[in-house]
């Protein structure tokens, strides 16, 4: 596996990387939120569904951002 020549620039400026990092944080926080929701009454299933939808939308945005040219990166001009 070979890294891109501008990998540092991509990590710093690419929206796809930012969105994937946000999705990672949402995935990590999900068990914490689930535990807290188990202690509360009523809203647990609704909030879990909302968190899953948000995570899916963030990941879909990361896919789109990965294939769209972005200003500030070498190929985005």
C-alpha atoms as a PDB file:
ATOM      1  CA  UNK A   1       0.000   0.000   0.000  1.00  0.00           C
ATOM      2  CA  UNK A   2       1.362   3.386  -0.997  1.00  0.00           C
ATOM      3  CA  UNK A   3       0.358   6.715   0.550  1.00  0.00           C
ATOM      4  CA  UNK A   4      -0.642   9.615  -1.676  1.00  0.00           C
ATOM      5  CA  UNK A   5       2.086  12.178  -2.116  1.00  0.00           C
ATOM      6  CA  UNK A   6      -0.107  14.845  -0.495  1.00  0.00           C
ATOM      7  CA  UNK A   7      -1.430  12.714   2.379  1.00  0.00           C
ATOM      8  CA  UNK A   8      -0.716  15.366   5.012  1.00  0.00           C
ATOM      9  CA  UNK A   9      -2.680  17.937   3.038  1.00  0.00           C
ATOM     10  CA  UNK A  10      -5.563  15.477   2.601  1.00  0.00           C
ATOM     11  CA  UNK A  11      -5.685  14.702   6.334  1.00  0.00           C
ATOM     12  CA  UNK A  12      -5.676  18.392   7.134  1.00  0.00           C
ATOM     13  CA  UNK A  13      -8.155  19.781   4.600  1.00  0.00           C
ATOM     14  CA  UNK A  14     -10.337  17.027   3.108  1.00  0.00           C
ATOM     15  CA  UNK A  15     -13.976  17.110   4.160  1.00  0.00           C
ATOM     16  CA  UNK A  16     -14.224  13.364   3.717  1.00  0.00           C
ATOM     17  CA  UNK A  17     -11.660  12.876   6.486  1.00  0.00           C
ATOM     18  CA  UNK A  18     -13.449  15.343   8.746  1.00  0.00           C
ATOM     19  CA  UNK A  19     -16.796  13.634   8.220  1.00  0.00           C
ATOM     20  CA  UNK A  20     -15.328  10.178   8.791  1.00  0.00           C
ATOM     21  CA  UNK A  21     -13.761  11.435  12.035  1.00  0.00           C
ATOM     22  CA  UNK A  22     -17.160  12.764  13.119  1.00  0.00           C
ATOM     23  CA  UNK A  23     -18.777   9.419  12.274  1.00  0.00           C
ATOM     24  CA  UNK A  24     -16.070   7.673  14.304  1.00  0.00           C
ATOM     25  CA  UNK A  25     -16.870   9.863  17.311  1.00  0.00           C
ATOM     26  CA  UNK A  26     -20.588   9.142  16.932  1.00  0.00           C
ATOM     27  CA  UNK A  27     -19.892   5.409  16.844  1.00  0.00           C
ATOM     28  CA  UNK A  28     -17.706   5.652  19.954  1.00  0.00           C
ATOM     29  CA  UNK A  29     -20.304   7.731  21.816  1.00  0.00           C
ATOM     30  CA  UNK A  30     -23.211   5.438  20.925  1.00  0.00           C
ATOM     31  CA  UNK A  31     -22.634   2.936  23.781  1.00  0.00           C
ATOM     32  CA  UNK A  32     -22.375   5.800  26.262  1.00  0.00           C
ATOM     33  CA  UNK A  33     -25.616   7.304  24.972  1.00  0.00           C
ATOM     34  CA  UNK A  34     -27.300   3.899  25.063  1.00  0.00           C
ATOM     35  CA  UNK A  35     -26.323   3.387  28.682  1.00  0.00           C
ATOM     36  CA  UNK A  36     -27.612   6.815  29.652  1.00  0.00           C
ATOM     37  CA  UNK A  37     -30.825   6.207  27.706  1.00  0.00           C
ATOM     38  CA  UNK A  38     -31.366   2.907  29.503  1.00  0.00           C
ATOM     39  CA  UNK A  39     -31.431   4.869  32.744  1.00  0.00           C
ATOM     40  CA  UNK A  40     -34.098   7.236  31.429  1.00  0.00           C
ATOM     41  CA  UNK A  41     -37.662   6.397  30.563  1.00  0.00           C
ATOM     42  CA  UNK A  42     -39.543   6.514  27.289  1.00  0.00           C
ATOM     43  CA  UNK A  43     -37.231   8.151  24.745  1.00  0.00           C
ATOM     44  CA  UNK A  44     -34.655   5.382  24.398  1.00  0.00           C
ATOM     45  CA  UNK A  45     -35.726   3.790  21.055  1.00  0.00           C
ATOM     46  CA  UNK A  46     -36.447   7.134  19.373  1.00  0.00           C
ATOM     47  CA  UNK A  47     -33.086   8.641  20.290  1.00  0.00           C
ATOM     48  CA  UNK A  48     -31.224   5.495  19.205  1.00  0.00           C
ATOM     49  CA  UNK A  49     -32.920   5.656  15.805  1.00  0.00           C
ATOM     50  CA  UNK A  50     -32.105   9.362  15.472  1.00  0.00           C
ATOM     51  CA  UNK A  51     -28.430   8.732  16.349  1.00  0.00           C
ATOM     52  CA  UNK A  52     -28.240   5.943  13.771  1.00  0.00           C
ATOM     53  CA  UNK A  53     -29.799   8.161  11.092  1.00  0.00           C
ATOM     54  CA  UNK A  54     -27.370  10.993  11.876  1.00  0.00           C
ATOM     55  CA  UNK A  55     -24.427   8.594  11.707  1.00  0.00           C
ATOM     56  CA  UNK A  56     -25.639   7.237   8.350  1.00  0.00           C
ATOM     57  CA  UNK A  57     -26.033  10.748   6.932  1.00  0.00           C
ATOM     58  CA  UNK A  58     -22.544  11.747   8.082  1.00  0.00           C
ATOM     59  CA  UNK A  59     -21.054   8.650   6.441  1.00  0.00           C
ATOM     60  CA  UNK A  60     -23.002   9.314   3.223  1.00  0.00           C
ATOM     61  CA  UNK A  61     -21.636  12.857   3.240  1.00  0.00           C
ATOM     62  CA  UNK A  62     -18.125  11.474   3.673  1.00  0.00           C
ATOM     63  CA  UNK A  63     -18.563   9.308   0.586  1.00  0.00           C
ATOM     64  CA  UNK A  64     -19.738  12.285  -1.482  1.00  0.00           C
ATOM     65  CA  UNK A  65     -16.936  14.490  -0.128  1.00  0.00           C
ATOM     66  CA  UNK A  66     -14.393  11.821  -1.028  1.00  0.00           C
ATOM     67  CA  UNK A  67     -15.212  11.938  -4.749  1.00  0.00           C
ATOM     68  CA  UNK A  68     -15.856  15.695  -5.138  1.00  0.00           C
ATOM     69  CA  UNK A  69     -12.879  17.941  -5.912  1.00  0.00           C
ATOM     70  CA  UNK A  70     -12.224  20.304  -3.024  1.00  0.00           C
ATOM     71  CA  UNK A  71     -10.573  23.721  -3.123  1.00  0.00           C
ATOM     72  CA  UNK A  72      -7.377  23.863  -1.134  1.00  0.00           C
ATOM     73  CA  UNK A  73      -6.280  20.383  -2.159  1.00  0.00           C
ATOM     74  CA  UNK A  74      -3.936  19.821  -5.094  1.00  0.00           C
ATOM     75  CA  UNK A  75      -6.545  18.288  -7.406  1.00  0.00           C
ATOM     76  CA  UNK A  76      -9.305  20.725  -6.364  1.00  0.00           C
ATOM     77  CA  UNK A  77      -7.341  23.766  -7.615  1.00  0.00           C
END
